[in-house]
Amino acid sequence: MRNRVNRLVKERILQVVGMVDPYQLGFDAPALIGVSVSPPDIDRAAAEIAELPEVSYLIMVSGDFDLYVEVMCRDRDHLATFLNERLRKVEGVQRTETFLILKTYKLAYGAAPNHPPGQH
């Protein structure tokens, strides 16, 4: 079994990743951010946004926004700083809309959400 798993990892068919509980690390302001980007700048803007340390997930979508960004911020001040001093300064970013994550009901791959103290 171990040889098969090692082969699948080596061939990049299987990836083993750890999932961090942001609340346990003191990140109390996770958020999803819809981002509108001027058309010629989408790939370049996405590459720049992906490098920001607060970004945990980044996808291109159809609909009202071009990108959805999941961020992990320590608190609302950190989130405001991220938005105003980093994300909105990425060339091509025209508009953002932020959705503060209040409660997680399901995580990817069956991981159980661990709610902050006082939430159930």
PDB file of N, CA and C in Angstrom:
ATOM      1  N   MET A   1       0.830  -1.198   0.000  1.00  0.00           N
ATOM      2  CA  MET A   1       0.000   0.000   0.000  1.00  0.00           C
ATOM      3  C   MET A   1       0.872   1.259   0.000  1.00  0.00           C
ATOM      4  N   ARG A   2       1.920   1.273   0.839  1.00  0.00           N
ATOM      5  CA  ARG A   2       2.790   2.437   0.930  1.00  0.00           C
ATOM      6  C   ARG A   2       3.454   2.745  -0.415  1.00  0.00           C
ATOM      7  N   ASN A   3       3.889   1.693  -1.135  1.00  0.00           N
ATOM      8  CA  ASN A   3       4.518   1.914  -2.446  1.00  0.00           C
ATOM      9  C   ASN A   3       3.538   2.538  -3.428  1.00  0.00           C
ATOM     10  N   ARG A   4       2.294   2.076  -3.392  1.00  0.00           N
ATOM     11  CA  ARG A   4       1.281   2.630  -4.302  1.00  0.00           C
ATOM     12  C   ARG A   4       1.035   4.104  -3.987  1.00  0.00           C
ATOM     13  N   VAL A   5       0.902   4.456  -2.706  1.00  0.00           N
ATOM     14  CA  VAL A   5       0.689   5.844  -2.309  1.00  0.00           C
ATOM     15  C   VAL A   5       1.884   6.693  -2.725  1.00  0.00           C
ATOM     16  N   ASN A   6       3.095   6.203  -2.483  1.00  0.00           N
ATOM     17  CA  ASN A   6       4.291   6.948  -2.889  1.00  0.00           C
ATOM     18  C   ASN A   6       4.322   7.185  -4.393  1.00  0.00           C
ATOM     19  N   ARG A   7       3.936   6.161  -5.188  1.00  0.00           N
ATOM     20  CA  ARG A   7       3.904   6.318  -6.640  1.00  0.00           C
ATOM     21  C   ARG A   7       2.858   7.363  -7.046  1.00  0.00           C
ATOM     22  N   LEU A   8       1.677   7.324  -6.434  1.00  0.00           N
ATOM     23  CA  LEU A   8       0.627   8.288  -6.763  1.00  0.00           C
ATOM     24  C   LEU A   8       1.056   9.714  -6.404  1.00  0.00           C
ATOM     25  N   VAL A   9       1.748   9.870  -5.285  1.00  0.00           N
ATOM     26  CA  VAL A   9       2.244  11.193  -4.897  1.00  0.00           C
ATOM     27  C   VAL A   9       3.302  11.652  -5.895  1.00  0.00           C
ATOM     28  N   LYS A  10       4.235  10.769  -6.229  1.00  0.00           N
ATOM     29  CA  LYS A  10       5.315  11.111  -7.172  1.00  0.00           C
ATOM     30  C   LYS A  10       4.749  11.523  -8.538  1.00  0.00           C
ATOM     31  N   GLU A  11       3.690  10.850  -8.966  1.00  0.00           N
ATOM     32  CA  GLU A  11       3.061  11.160 -10.259  1.00  0.00           C
ATOM     33  C   GLU A  11       2.066  12.317 -10.161  1.00  0.00           C
ATOM     34  N   ARG A  12       1.957  12.908  -8.985  1.00  0.00           N
ATOM     35  CA  ARG A  12       1.072  14.043  -8.717  1.00  0.00           C
ATOM     36  C   ARG A  12      -0.397  13.720  -8.968  1.00  0.00           C
ATOM     37  N   ILE A  13      -0.757  12.460  -8.835  1.00  0.00           N
ATOM     38  CA  ILE A  13      -2.152  12.052  -8.900  1.00  0.00           C
ATOM     39  C   ILE A  13      -2.795  12.252  -7.529  1.00  0.00           C
ATOM     40  N   LEU A  14      -2.003  12.052  -6.481  1.00  0.00           N
ATOM     41  CA  LEU A  14      -2.443  12.205  -5.107  1.00  0.00           C
ATOM     42  C   LEU A  14      -1.588  13.266  -4.440  1.00  0.00           C
ATOM     43  N   GLN A  15      -2.247  14.165  -3.719  1.00  0.00           N
ATOM     44  CA  GLN A  15      -1.537  15.161  -2.930  1.00  0.00           C
ATOM     45  C   GLN A  15      -2.010  15.050  -1.491  1.00  0.00           C
ATOM     46  N   VAL A  16      -1.082  15.067  -0.576  1.00  0.00           N
ATOM     47  CA  VAL A  16      -1.400  15.015   0.839  1.00  0.00           C
ATOM     48  C   VAL A  16      -1.165  16.414   1.400  1.00  0.00           C
ATOM     49  N   VAL A  17      -2.219  17.015   1.953  1.00  0.00           N
ATOM     50  CA  VAL A  17      -2.112  18.373   2.475  1.00  0.00           C
ATOM     51  C   VAL A  17      -2.695  18.410   3.878  1.00  0.00           C
ATOM     52  N   GLY A  18      -2.216  19.345   4.667  1.00  0.00           N
ATOM     53  CA  GLY A  18      -2.765  19.555   5.997  1.00  0.00           C
ATOM     54  C   GLY A  18      -3.769  20.695   5.966  1.00  0.00           C
ATOM     55  N   MET A  19      -4.806  20.590   6.761  1.00  0.00           N
ATOM     56  CA  MET A  19      -5.786  21.663   6.869  1.00  0.00           C
ATOM     57  C   MET A  19      -5.613  22.321   8.231  1.00  0.00           C
ATOM     58  N   VAL A  20      -5.444  23.612   8.230  1.00  0.00           N
ATOM     59  CA  VAL A  20      -5.238  24.372   9.458  1.00  0.00           C
ATOM     60  C   VAL A  20      -6.568  24.948   9.916  1.00  0.00           C
ATOM     61  N   ASP A  21      -6.824  24.866  11.201  1.00  0.00           N
ATOM     62  CA  ASP A  21      -8.006  25.499  11.765  1.00  0.00           C
ATOM     63  C   ASP A  21      -7.632  26.943  12.087  1.00  0.00           C
ATOM     64  N   PRO A  22      -8.126  27.913  11.321  1.00  0.00           N
ATOM     65  CA  PRO A  22      -7.694  29.306  11.507  1.00  0.00           C
ATOM     66  C   PRO A  22      -7.988  29.847  12.901  1.00  0.00           C
ATOM     67  N   TYR A  23      -9.089  29.432  13.512  1.00  0.00           N
ATOM     68  CA  TYR A  23      -9.447  29.945  14.827  1.00  0.00           C
ATOM     69  C   TYR A  23      -8.443  29.500  15.895  1.00  0.00           C
ATOM     70  N   GLN A  24      -7.932  28.272  15.766  1.00  0.00           N
ATOM     71  CA  GLN A  24      -6.960  27.764  16.731  1.00  0.00           C
ATOM     72  C   GLN A  24      -5.638  28.524  16.641  1.00  0.00           C
ATOM     73  N   LEU A  25      -5.366  29.141  15.490  1.00  0.00           N
ATOM     74  CA  LEU A  25      -4.131  29.909  15.306  1.00  0.00           C
ATOM     75  C   LEU A  25      -4.334  31.401  15.548  1.00  0.00           C
ATOM     76  N   GLY A  26      -5.523  31.779  16.001  1.00  0.00           N
ATOM     77  CA  GLY A  26      -5.768  33.182  16.310  1.00  0.00           C
ATOM     78  C   GLY A  26      -6.258  34.009  15.139  1.00  0.00           C
ATOM     79  N   PHE A  27      -6.674  33.372  14.056  1.00  0.00           N
ATOM     80  CA  PHE A  27      -7.211  34.104  12.908  1.00  0.00           C
ATOM     81  C   PHE A  27      -8.722  34.160  13.067  1.00  0.00           C
ATOM     82  N   ASP A  28      -9.213  35.317  13.515  1.00  0.00           N
ATOM     83  CA  ASP A  28     -10.615  35.448  13.887  1.00  0.00           C
ATOM     84  C   ASP A  28     -11.439  36.209  12.848  1.00  0.00           C
ATOM     85  N   ALA A  29     -10.857  36.485  11.674  1.00  0.00           N
ATOM     86  CA  ALA A  29     -11.596  37.224  10.642  1.00  0.00           C
ATOM     87  C   ALA A  29     -11.385  36.590   9.267  1.00  0.00           C
ATOM     88  N   PRO A  30     -11.789  35.311   9.109  1.00  0.00           N
ATOM     89  CA  PRO A  30     -11.725  34.741   7.764  1.00  0.00           C
ATOM     90  C   PRO A  30     -12.815  35.367   6.908  1.00  0.00           C
ATOM     91  N   ALA A  31     -12.533  35.525   5.617  1.00  0.00           N
ATOM     92  CA  ALA A  31     -13.511  36.168   4.735  1.00  0.00           C
ATOM     93  C   ALA A  31     -13.386  35.640   3.320  1.00  0.00           C
ATOM     94  N   LEU A  32     -14.478  35.760   2.577  1.00  0.00           N
ATOM     95  CA  LEU A  32     -14.485  35.539   1.136  1.00  0.00           C
ATOM     96  C   LEU A  32     -14.616  36.909   0.493  1.00  0.00           C
ATOM     97  N   ILE A  33     -13.859  37.130  -0.564  1.00  0.00           N
ATOM     98  CA  ILE A  33     -13.882  38.434  -1.231  1.00  0.00           C
ATOM     99  C   ILE A  33     -14.110  38.214  -2.720  1.00  0.00           C
ATOM    100  N   GLY A  34     -15.179  38.816  -3.231  1.00  0.00           N
ATOM    101  CA  GLY A  34     -15.400  38.830  -4.670  1.00  0.00           C
ATOM    102  C   GLY A  34     -14.591  39.973  -5.253  1.00  0.00           C
ATOM    103  N   VAL A  35     -13.880  39.701  -6.358  1.00  0.00           N
ATOM    104  CA  VAL A  35     -12.997  40.701  -6.952  1.00  0.00           C
ATOM    105  C   VAL A  35     -13.321  40.850  -8.436  1.00  0.00           C
ATOM    106  N   SER A  36     -13.577  42.093  -8.863  1.00  0.00           N
ATOM    107  CA  SER A  36     -13.731  42.399 -10.284  1.00  0.00           C
ATOM    108  C   SER A  36     -12.404  42.951 -10.795  1.00  0.00           C
ATOM    109  N   VAL A  37     -11.956  42.411 -11.928  1.00  0.00           N
ATOM    110  CA  VAL A  37     -10.661  42.793 -12.495  1.00  0.00           C
ATOM    111  C   VAL A  37     -10.876  43.203 -13.945  1.00  0.00           C
ATOM    112  N   SER A  38     -10.152  44.238 -14.400  1.00  0.00           N
ATOM    113  CA  SER A  38     -10.259  44.628 -15.803  1.00  0.00           C
ATOM    114  C   SER A  38      -9.792  43.459 -16.673  1.00  0.00           C
ATOM    115  N   PRO A  39     -10.499  43.166 -17.782  1.00  0.00           N
ATOM    116  CA  PRO A  39     -10.290  41.942 -18.566  1.00  0.00           C
ATOM    117  C   PRO A  39      -8.846  41.587 -18.942  1.00  0.00           C
ATOM    118  N   PRO A  40      -8.035  42.502 -19.401  1.00  0.00           N
ATOM    119  CA  PRO A  40      -6.708  42.019 -19.801  1.00  0.00           C
ATOM    120  C   PRO A  40      -5.803  41.669 -18.620  1.00  0.00           C
ATOM    121  N   ASP A  41      -6.206  42.011 -17.409  1.00  0.00           N
ATOM    122  CA  ASP A  41      -5.341  41.860 -16.243  1.00  0.00           C
ATOM    123  C   ASP A  41      -5.676  40.662 -15.354  1.00  0.00           C
ATOM    124  N   ILE A  42      -6.653  39.828 -15.716  1.00  0.00           N
ATOM    125  CA  ILE A  42      -7.141  38.802 -14.793  1.00  0.00           C
ATOM    126  C   ILE A  42      -6.048  37.809 -14.387  1.00  0.00           C
ATOM    127  N   ASP A  43      -5.358  37.206 -15.345  1.00  0.00           N
ATOM    128  CA  ASP A  43      -4.342  36.208 -15.002  1.00  0.00           C
ATOM    129  C   ASP A  43      -3.186  36.824 -14.220  1.00  0.00           C
ATOM    130  N   ARG A  44      -2.767  38.003 -14.618  1.00  0.00           N
ATOM    131  CA  ARG A  44      -1.663  38.665 -13.931  1.00  0.00           C
ATOM    132  C   ARG A  44      -2.071  39.055 -12.514  1.00  0.00           C
ATOM    133  N   ALA A  45      -3.296  39.593 -12.377  1.00  0.00           N
ATOM    134  CA  ALA A  45      -3.798  39.971 -11.051  1.00  0.00           C
ATOM    135  C   ALA A  45      -3.948  38.731 -10.172  1.00  0.00           C
ATOM    136  N   ALA A  46      -4.466  37.644 -10.719  1.00  0.00           N
ATOM    137  CA  ALA A  46      -4.634  36.414  -9.950  1.00  0.00           C
ATOM    138  C   ALA A  46      -3.285  35.897  -9.452  1.00  0.00           C
ATOM    139  N   ALA A  47      -2.270  35.955 -10.296  1.00  0.00           N
ATOM    140  CA  ALA A  47      -0.935  35.497  -9.886  1.00  0.00           C
ATOM    141  C   ALA A  47      -0.399  36.356  -8.740  1.00  0.00           C
ATOM    142  N   GLU A  48      -0.625  37.659  -8.803  1.00  0.00           N
ATOM    143  CA  GLU A  48      -0.158  38.557  -7.745  1.00  0.00           C
ATOM    144  C   GLU A  48      -0.946  38.334  -6.444  1.00  0.00           C
ATOM    145  N   ILE A  49      -2.251  38.176  -6.555  1.00  0.00           N
ATOM    146  CA  ILE A  49      -3.089  37.946  -5.382  1.00  0.00           C
ATOM    147  C   ILE A  49      -2.723  36.618  -4.715  1.00  0.00           C
ATOM    148  N   ALA A  50      -2.438  35.598  -5.522  1.00  0.00           N
ATOM    149  CA  ALA A  50      -2.088  34.282  -4.981  1.00  0.00           C
ATOM    150  C   ALA A  50      -0.843  34.331  -4.103  1.00  0.00           C
ATOM    151  N   GLU A  51       0.020  35.309  -4.327  1.00  0.00           N
ATOM    152  CA  GLU A  51       1.255  35.425  -3.546  1.00  0.00           C
ATOM    153  C   GLU A  51       1.052  36.104  -2.191  1.00  0.00           C
ATOM    154  N   LEU A  52      -0.089  36.726  -1.967  1.00  0.00           N
ATOM    155  CA  LEU A  52      -0.328  37.413  -0.695  1.00  0.00           C
ATOM    156  C   LEU A  52      -0.503  36.379   0.415  1.00  0.00           C
ATOM    157  N   PRO A  53       0.210  36.516   1.530  1.00  0.00           N
ATOM    158  CA  PRO A  53       0.199  35.470   2.552  1.00  0.00           C
ATOM    159  C   PRO A  53      -1.164  35.215   3.201  1.00  0.00           C
ATOM    160  N   GLU A  54      -2.054  36.173   3.199  1.00  0.00           N
ATOM    161  CA  GLU A  54      -3.379  35.980   3.797  1.00  0.00           C
ATOM    162  C   GLU A  54      -4.287  35.099   2.943  1.00  0.00           C
ATOM    163  N   VAL A  55      -3.958  34.947   1.669  1.00  0.00           N
ATOM    164  CA  VAL A  55      -4.815  34.229   0.723  1.00  0.00           C
ATOM    165  C   VAL A  55      -4.645  32.722   0.893  1.00  0.00           C
ATOM    166  N   SER A  56      -5.772  32.036   1.173  1.00  0.00           N
ATOM    167  CA  SER A  56      -5.733  30.588   1.331  1.00  0.00           C
ATOM    168  C   SER A  56      -6.366  29.861   0.146  1.00  0.00           C
ATOM    169  N   TYR A  57      -7.156  30.569  -0.650  1.00  0.00           N
ATOM    170  CA  TYR A  57      -7.886  29.941  -1.752  1.00  0.00           C
ATOM    171  C   TYR A  57      -8.203  31.031  -2.762  1.00  0.00           C
ATOM    172  N   LEU A  58      -8.016  30.741  -4.033  1.00  0.00           N
ATOM    173  CA  LEU A  58      -8.264  31.735  -5.083  1.00  0.00           C
ATOM    174  C   LEU A  58      -8.789  31.021  -6.308  1.00  0.00           C
ATOM    175  N   ILE A  59      -9.953  31.453  -6.791  1.00  0.00           N
ATOM    176  CA  ILE A  59     -10.550  30.825  -7.975  1.00  0.00           C
ATOM    177  C   ILE A  59     -11.089  31.885  -8.930  1.00  0.00           C
ATOM    178  N   MET A  60     -11.075  31.548 -10.227  1.00  0.00           N
ATOM    179  CA  MET A  60     -11.750  32.366 -11.238  1.00  0.00           C
ATOM    180  C   MET A  60     -13.176  31.841 -11.346  1.00  0.00           C
ATOM    181  N   VAL A  61     -14.140  32.756 -11.417  1.00  0.00           N
ATOM    182  CA  VAL A  61     -15.543  32.373 -11.459  1.00  0.00           C
ATOM    183  C   VAL A  61     -16.275  33.128 -12.562  1.00  0.00           C
ATOM    184  N   SER A  62     -17.474  32.663 -12.865  1.00  0.00           N
ATOM    185  CA  SER A  62     -18.360  33.415 -13.755  1.00  0.00           C
ATOM    186  C   SER A  62     -19.370  34.128 -12.874  1.00  0.00           C
ATOM    187  N   GLY A  63     -19.981  35.149 -13.390  1.00  0.00           N
ATOM    188  CA  GLY A  63     -20.982  35.867 -12.609  1.00  0.00           C
ATOM    189  C   GLY A  63     -20.576  37.304 -12.370  1.00  0.00           C
ATOM    190  N   ASP A  64     -20.981  37.850 -11.226  1.00  0.00           N
ATOM    191  CA  ASP A  64     -20.742  39.257 -10.920  1.00  0.00           C
ATOM    192  C   ASP A  64     -19.275  39.588 -10.696  1.00  0.00           C
ATOM    193  N   PHE A  65     -18.464  38.604 -10.311  1.00  0.00           N
ATOM    194  CA  PHE A  65     -17.050  38.830 -10.044  1.00  0.00           C
ATOM    195  C   PHE A  65     -16.206  37.961 -10.957  1.00  0.00           C
ATOM    196  N   ASP A  66     -14.950  38.305 -11.068  1.00  0.00           N
ATOM    197  CA  ASP A  66     -14.002  37.509 -11.853  1.00  0.00           C
ATOM    198  C   ASP A  66     -13.271  36.494 -10.986  1.00  0.00           C
ATOM    199  N   LEU A  67     -13.000  36.881  -9.747  1.00  0.00           N
ATOM    200  CA  LEU A  67     -12.245  36.038  -8.821  1.00  0.00           C
ATOM    201  C   LEU A  67     -12.960  35.991  -7.480  1.00  0.00           C
ATOM    202  N   TYR A  68     -12.826  34.865  -6.781  1.00  0.00           N
ATOM    203  CA  TYR A  68     -13.198  34.776  -5.379  1.00  0.00           C
ATOM    204  C   TYR A  68     -11.926  34.423  -4.610  1.00  0.00           C
ATOM    205  N   VAL A  69     -11.699  35.172  -3.551  1.00  0.00           N
ATOM    206  CA  VAL A  69     -10.506  35.018  -2.737  1.00  0.00           C
ATOM    207  C   VAL A  69     -10.939  34.684  -1.318  1.00  0.00           C
ATOM    208  N   GLU A  70     -10.381  33.613  -0.756  1.00  0.00           N
ATOM    209  CA  GLU A  70     -10.591  33.325   0.655  1.00  0.00           C
ATOM    210  C   GLU A  70      -9.344  33.798   1.385  1.00  0.00           C
ATOM    211  N   VAL A  71      -9.550  34.562   2.451  1.00  0.00           N
ATOM    212  CA  VAL A  71      -8.415  35.069   3.225  1.00  0.00           C
ATOM    213  C   VAL A  71      -8.573  34.703   4.688  1.00  0.00           C
ATOM    214  N   MET A  72      -7.454  34.572   5.368  1.00  0.00           N
ATOM    215  CA  MET A  72      -7.420  34.340   6.802  1.00  0.00           C
ATOM    216  C   MET A  72      -6.725  35.537   7.435  1.00  0.00           C
ATOM    217  N   CYS A  73      -7.489  36.315   8.192  1.00  0.00           N
ATOM    218  CA  CYS A  73      -6.946  37.511   8.846  1.00  0.00           C
ATOM    219  C   CYS A  73      -7.127  37.384  10.354  1.00  0.00           C
ATOM    220  N   ARG A  74      -6.217  37.977  11.109  1.00  0.00           N
ATOM    221  CA  ARG A  74      -6.243  37.876  12.576  1.00  0.00           C
ATOM    222  C   ARG A  74      -7.491  38.522  13.173  1.00  0.00           C
ATOM    223  N   ASP A  75      -7.864  39.681  12.624  1.00  0.00           N
ATOM    224  CA  ASP A  75      -9.000  40.429  13.152  1.00  0.00           C
ATOM    225  C   ASP A  75      -9.490  41.373  12.060  1.00  0.00           C
ATOM    226  N   ARG A  76     -10.484  42.163  12.383  1.00  0.00           N
ATOM    227  CA  ARG A  76     -11.069  43.047  11.359  1.00  0.00           C
ATOM    228  C   ARG A  76     -10.108  44.142  10.926  1.00  0.00           C
ATOM    229  N   ASP A  77      -9.247  44.603  11.831  1.00  0.00           N
ATOM    230  CA  ASP A  77      -8.235  45.591  11.434  1.00  0.00           C
ATOM    231  C   ASP A  77      -7.281  45.000  10.406  1.00  0.00           C
ATOM    232  N   HIS A  78      -6.858  43.761  10.637  1.00  0.00           N
ATOM    233  CA  HIS A  78      -5.979  43.080   9.685  1.00  0.00           C
ATOM    234  C   HIS A  78      -6.687  42.931   8.341  1.00  0.00           C
ATOM    235  N   LEU A  79      -7.971  42.563   8.363  1.00  0.00           N
ATOM    236  CA  LEU A  79      -8.744  42.432   7.127  1.00  0.00           C
ATOM    237  C   LEU A  79      -8.836  43.766   6.408  1.00  0.00           C
ATOM    238  N   ALA A  80      -9.115  44.847   7.122  1.00  0.00           N
ATOM    239  CA  ALA A  80      -9.203  46.178   6.503  1.00  0.00           C
ATOM    240  C   ALA A  80      -7.872  46.574   5.878  1.00  0.00           C
ATOM    241  N   THR A  81      -6.791  46.306   6.588  1.00  0.00           N
ATOM    242  CA  THR A  81      -5.460  46.612   6.053  1.00  0.00           C
ATOM    243  C   THR A  81      -5.189  45.796   4.801  1.00  0.00           C
ATOM    244  N   PHE A  82      -5.525  44.505   4.841  1.00  0.00           N
ATOM    245  CA  PHE A  82      -5.347  43.646   3.664  1.00  0.00           C
ATOM    246  C   PHE A  82      -6.102  44.209   2.466  1.00  0.00           C
ATOM    247  N   LEU A  83      -7.364  44.576   2.678  1.00  0.00           N
ATOM    248  CA  LEU A  83      -8.187  45.096   1.582  1.00  0.00           C
ATOM    249  C   LEU A  83      -7.633  46.403   1.022  1.00  0.00           C
ATOM    250  N   ASN A  84      -7.358  47.350   1.897  1.00  0.00           N
ATOM    251  CA  ASN A  84      -7.008  48.701   1.460  1.00  0.00           C
ATOM    252  C   ASN A  84      -5.557  48.870   1.035  1.00  0.00           C
ATOM    253  N   GLU A  85      -4.654  48.143   1.653  1.00  0.00           N
ATOM    254  CA  GLU A  85      -3.238  48.356   1.371  1.00  0.00           C
ATOM    255  C   GLU A  85      -2.618  47.291   0.475  1.00  0.00           C
ATOM    256  N   ARG A  86      -3.341  46.195   0.257  1.00  0.00           N
ATOM    257  CA  ARG A  86      -2.762  45.132  -0.563  1.00  0.00           C
ATOM    258  C   ARG A  86      -3.662  44.771  -1.738  1.00  0.00           C
ATOM    259  N   LEU A  87      -4.845  44.220  -1.454  1.00  0.00           N
ATOM    260  CA  LEU A  87      -5.690  43.705  -2.524  1.00  0.00           C
ATOM    261  C   LEU A  87      -6.120  44.796  -3.499  1.00  0.00           C
ATOM    262  N   ARG A  88      -6.615  45.911  -2.985  1.00  0.00           N
ATOM    263  CA  ARG A  88      -7.123  46.964  -3.869  1.00  0.00           C
ATOM    264  C   ARG A  88      -6.016  47.705  -4.619  1.00  0.00           C
ATOM    265  N   LYS A  89      -4.764  47.469  -4.231  1.00  0.00           N
ATOM    266  CA  LYS A  89      -3.641  48.082  -4.935  1.00  0.00           C
ATOM    267  C   LYS A  89      -3.083  47.195  -6.049  1.00  0.00           C
ATOM    268  N   VAL A  90      -3.613  45.983  -6.183  1.00  0.00           N
ATOM    269  CA  VAL A  90      -3.195  45.106  -7.276  1.00  0.00           C
ATOM    270  C   VAL A  90      -3.700  45.718  -8.575  1.00  0.00           C
ATOM    271  N   GLU A  91      -2.809  45.876  -9.529  1.00  0.00           N
ATOM    272  CA  GLU A  91      -3.171  46.500 -10.805  1.00  0.00           C
ATOM    273  C   GLU A  91      -4.291  45.714 -11.484  1.00  0.00           C
ATOM    274  N   GLY A  92      -5.326  46.419 -11.911  1.00  0.00           N
ATOM    275  CA  GLY A  92      -6.458  45.806 -12.583  1.00  0.00           C
ATOM    276  C   GLY A  92      -7.653  45.562 -11.684  1.00  0.00           C
ATOM    277  N   VAL A  93      -7.454  45.546 -10.365  1.00  0.00           N
ATOM    278  CA  VAL A  93      -8.580  45.341  -9.447  1.00  0.00           C
ATOM    279  C   VAL A  93      -9.463  46.582  -9.505  1.00  0.00           C
ATOM    280  N   GLN A  94     -10.724  46.383  -9.870  1.00  0.00           N
ATOM    281  CA  GLN A  94     -11.659  47.492 -10.022  1.00  0.00           C
ATOM    282  C   GLN A  94     -12.624  47.600  -8.847  1.00  0.00           C
ATOM    283  N   ARG A  95     -13.051  46.465  -8.315  1.00  0.00           N
ATOM    284  CA  ARG A  95     -14.070  46.468  -7.267  1.00  0.00           C
ATOM    285  C   ARG A  95     -13.932  45.207  -6.445  1.00  0.00           C
ATOM    286  N   THR A  96     -14.237  45.321  -5.147  1.00  0.00           N
ATOM    287  CA  THR A  96     -14.261  44.148  -4.274  1.00  0.00           C
ATOM    288  C   THR A  96     -15.534  44.171  -3.433  1.00  0.00           C
ATOM    289  N   GLU A  97     -15.966  42.996  -3.023  1.00  0.00           N
ATOM    290  CA  GLU A  97     -17.055  42.877  -2.064  1.00  0.00           C
ATOM    291  C   GLU A  97     -16.658  41.789  -1.077  1.00  0.00           C
ATOM    292  N   THR A  98     -16.683  42.124   0.204  1.00  0.00           N
ATOM    293  CA  THR A  98     -16.183  41.231   1.240  1.00  0.00           C
ATOM    294  C   THR A  98     -17.321  40.588   2.016  1.00  0.00           C
ATOM    295  N   PHE A  99     -17.186  39.288   2.231  1.00  0.00           N
ATOM    296  CA  PHE A  99     -18.152  38.510   3.001  1.00  0.00           C
ATOM    297  C   PHE A  99     -17.405  37.901   4.178  1.00  0.00           C
ATOM    298  N   LEU A 100     -17.629  38.422   5.375  1.00  0.00           N
ATOM    299  CA  LEU A 100     -16.996  37.885   6.576  1.00  0.00           C
ATOM    300  C   LEU A 100     -17.610  36.523   6.883  1.00  0.00           C
ATOM    301  N   ILE A 101     -16.777  35.518   7.078  1.00  0.00           N
ATOM    302  CA  ILE A 101     -17.266  34.169   7.371  1.00  0.00           C
ATOM    303  C   ILE A 101     -17.680  34.122   8.843  1.00  0.00           C
ATOM    304  N   LEU A 102     -18.953  33.880   9.095  1.00  0.00           N
ATOM    305  CA  LEU A 102     -19.473  33.852  10.454  1.00  0.00           C
ATOM    306  C   LEU A 102     -19.440  32.459  11.070  1.00  0.00           C
ATOM    307  N   LYS A 103     -19.716  31.445  10.245  1.00  0.00           N
ATOM    308  CA  LYS A 103     -19.753  30.076  10.743  1.00  0.00           C
ATOM    309  C   LYS A 103     -19.529  29.134   9.570  1.00  0.00           C
ATOM    310  N   THR A 104     -18.772  28.080   9.788  1.00  0.00           N
ATOM    311  CA  THR A 104     -18.512  27.081   8.754  1.00  0.00           C
ATOM    312  C   THR A 104     -19.305  25.821   9.074  1.00  0.00           C
ATOM    313  N   TYR A 105     -20.081  25.355   8.108  1.00  0.00           N
ATOM    314  CA  TYR A 105     -20.880  24.155   8.297  1.00  0.00           C
ATOM    315  C   TYR A 105     -20.213  22.913   7.708  1.00  0.00           C
ATOM    316  N   LYS A 106     -19.399  23.105   6.677  1.00  0.00           N
ATOM    317  CA  LYS A 106     -18.752  21.971   6.024  1.00  0.00           C
ATOM    318  C   LYS A 106     -17.437  22.441   5.427  1.00  0.00           C
ATOM    319  N   LEU A 107     -16.408  21.614   5.583  1.00  0.00           N
ATOM    320  CA  LEU A 107     -15.118  21.879   4.971  1.00  0.00           C
ATOM    321  C   LEU A 107     -14.864  20.838   3.882  1.00  0.00           C
ATOM    322  N   ALA A 108     -13.927  21.123   3.019  1.00  0.00           N
ATOM    323  CA  ALA A 108     -13.580  20.200   1.945  1.00  0.00           C
ATOM    324  C   ALA A 108     -13.058  18.888   2.500  1.00  0.00           C
ATOM    325  N   TYR A 109     -13.276  17.829   1.764  1.00  0.00           N
ATOM    326  CA  TYR A 109     -12.704  16.517   2.046  1.00  0.00           C
ATOM    327  C   TYR A 109     -13.154  15.928   3.376  1.00  0.00           C
ATOM    328  N   GLY A 110     -14.299  16.368   3.871  1.00  0.00           N
ATOM    329  CA  GLY A 110     -14.867  15.768   5.061  1.00  0.00           C
ATOM    330  C   GLY A 110     -14.284  16.219   6.381  1.00  0.00           C
ATOM    331  N   ALA A 111     -13.389  17.195   6.375  1.00  0.00           N
ATOM    332  CA  ALA A 111     -12.836  17.692   7.632  1.00  0.00           C
ATOM    333  C   ALA A 111     -13.952  18.349   8.435  1.00  0.00           C
ATOM    334  N   ALA A 112     -13.954  18.120   9.729  1.00  0.00           N
ATOM    335  CA  ALA A 112     -14.983  18.696  10.598  1.00  0.00           C
ATOM    336  C   ALA A 112     -14.602  20.111  10.987  1.00  0.00           C
ATOM    337  N   PRO A 113     -15.507  21.074  10.821  1.00  0.00           N
ATOM    338  CA  PRO A 113     -15.200  22.436  11.251  1.00  0.00           C
ATOM    339  C   PRO A 113     -15.053  22.507  12.765  1.00  0.00           C
ATOM    340  N   ASN A 114     -14.112  23.284  13.228  1.00  0.00           N
ATOM    341  CA  ASN A 114     -13.893  23.498  14.658  1.00  0.00           C
ATOM    342  C   ASN A 114     -14.276  24.938  14.945  1.00  0.00           C
ATOM    343  N   HIS A 115     -15.421  25.139  15.581  1.00  0.00           N
ATOM    344  CA  HIS A 115     -15.943  26.479  15.783  1.00  0.00           C
ATOM    345  C   HIS A 115     -15.217  27.196  16.917  1.00  0.00           C
ATOM    346  N   PRO A 116     -15.141  28.519  16.822  1.00  0.00           N
ATOM    347  CA  PRO A 116     -14.531  29.288  17.906  1.00  0.00           C
ATOM    348  C   PRO A 116     -15.309  29.076  19.204  1.00  0.00           C
ATOM    349  N   PRO A 117     -14.681  29.344  20.342  1.00  0.00           N
ATOM    350  CA  PRO A 117     -15.386  29.174  21.609  1.00  0.00           C
ATOM    351  C   PRO A 117     -16.713  29.940  21.605  1.00  0.00           C
ATOM    352  N   GLY A 118     -17.758  29.301  22.090  1.00  0.00           N
ATOM    353  CA  GLY A 118     -19.062  29.937  22.159  1.00  0.00           C
ATOM    354  C   GLY A 118     -19.951  29.662  20.954  1.00  0.00           C
ATOM    355  N   GLN A 119     -19.391  29.099  19.856  1.00  0.00           N
ATOM    356  CA  GLN A 119     -20.188  28.775  18.670  1.00  0.00           C
ATOM    357  C   GLN A 119     -20.377  27.270  18.588  1.00  0.00           C
ATOM    358  N   HIS A 120     -21.573  26.855  18.221  1.00  0.00           N
ATOM    359  CA  HIS A 120     -21.835  25.416  18.036  1.00  0.00           C
ATOM    360  C   HIS A 120     -22.692  25.201  16.828  1.00  0.00           C
TER     361      HIS A 120
END
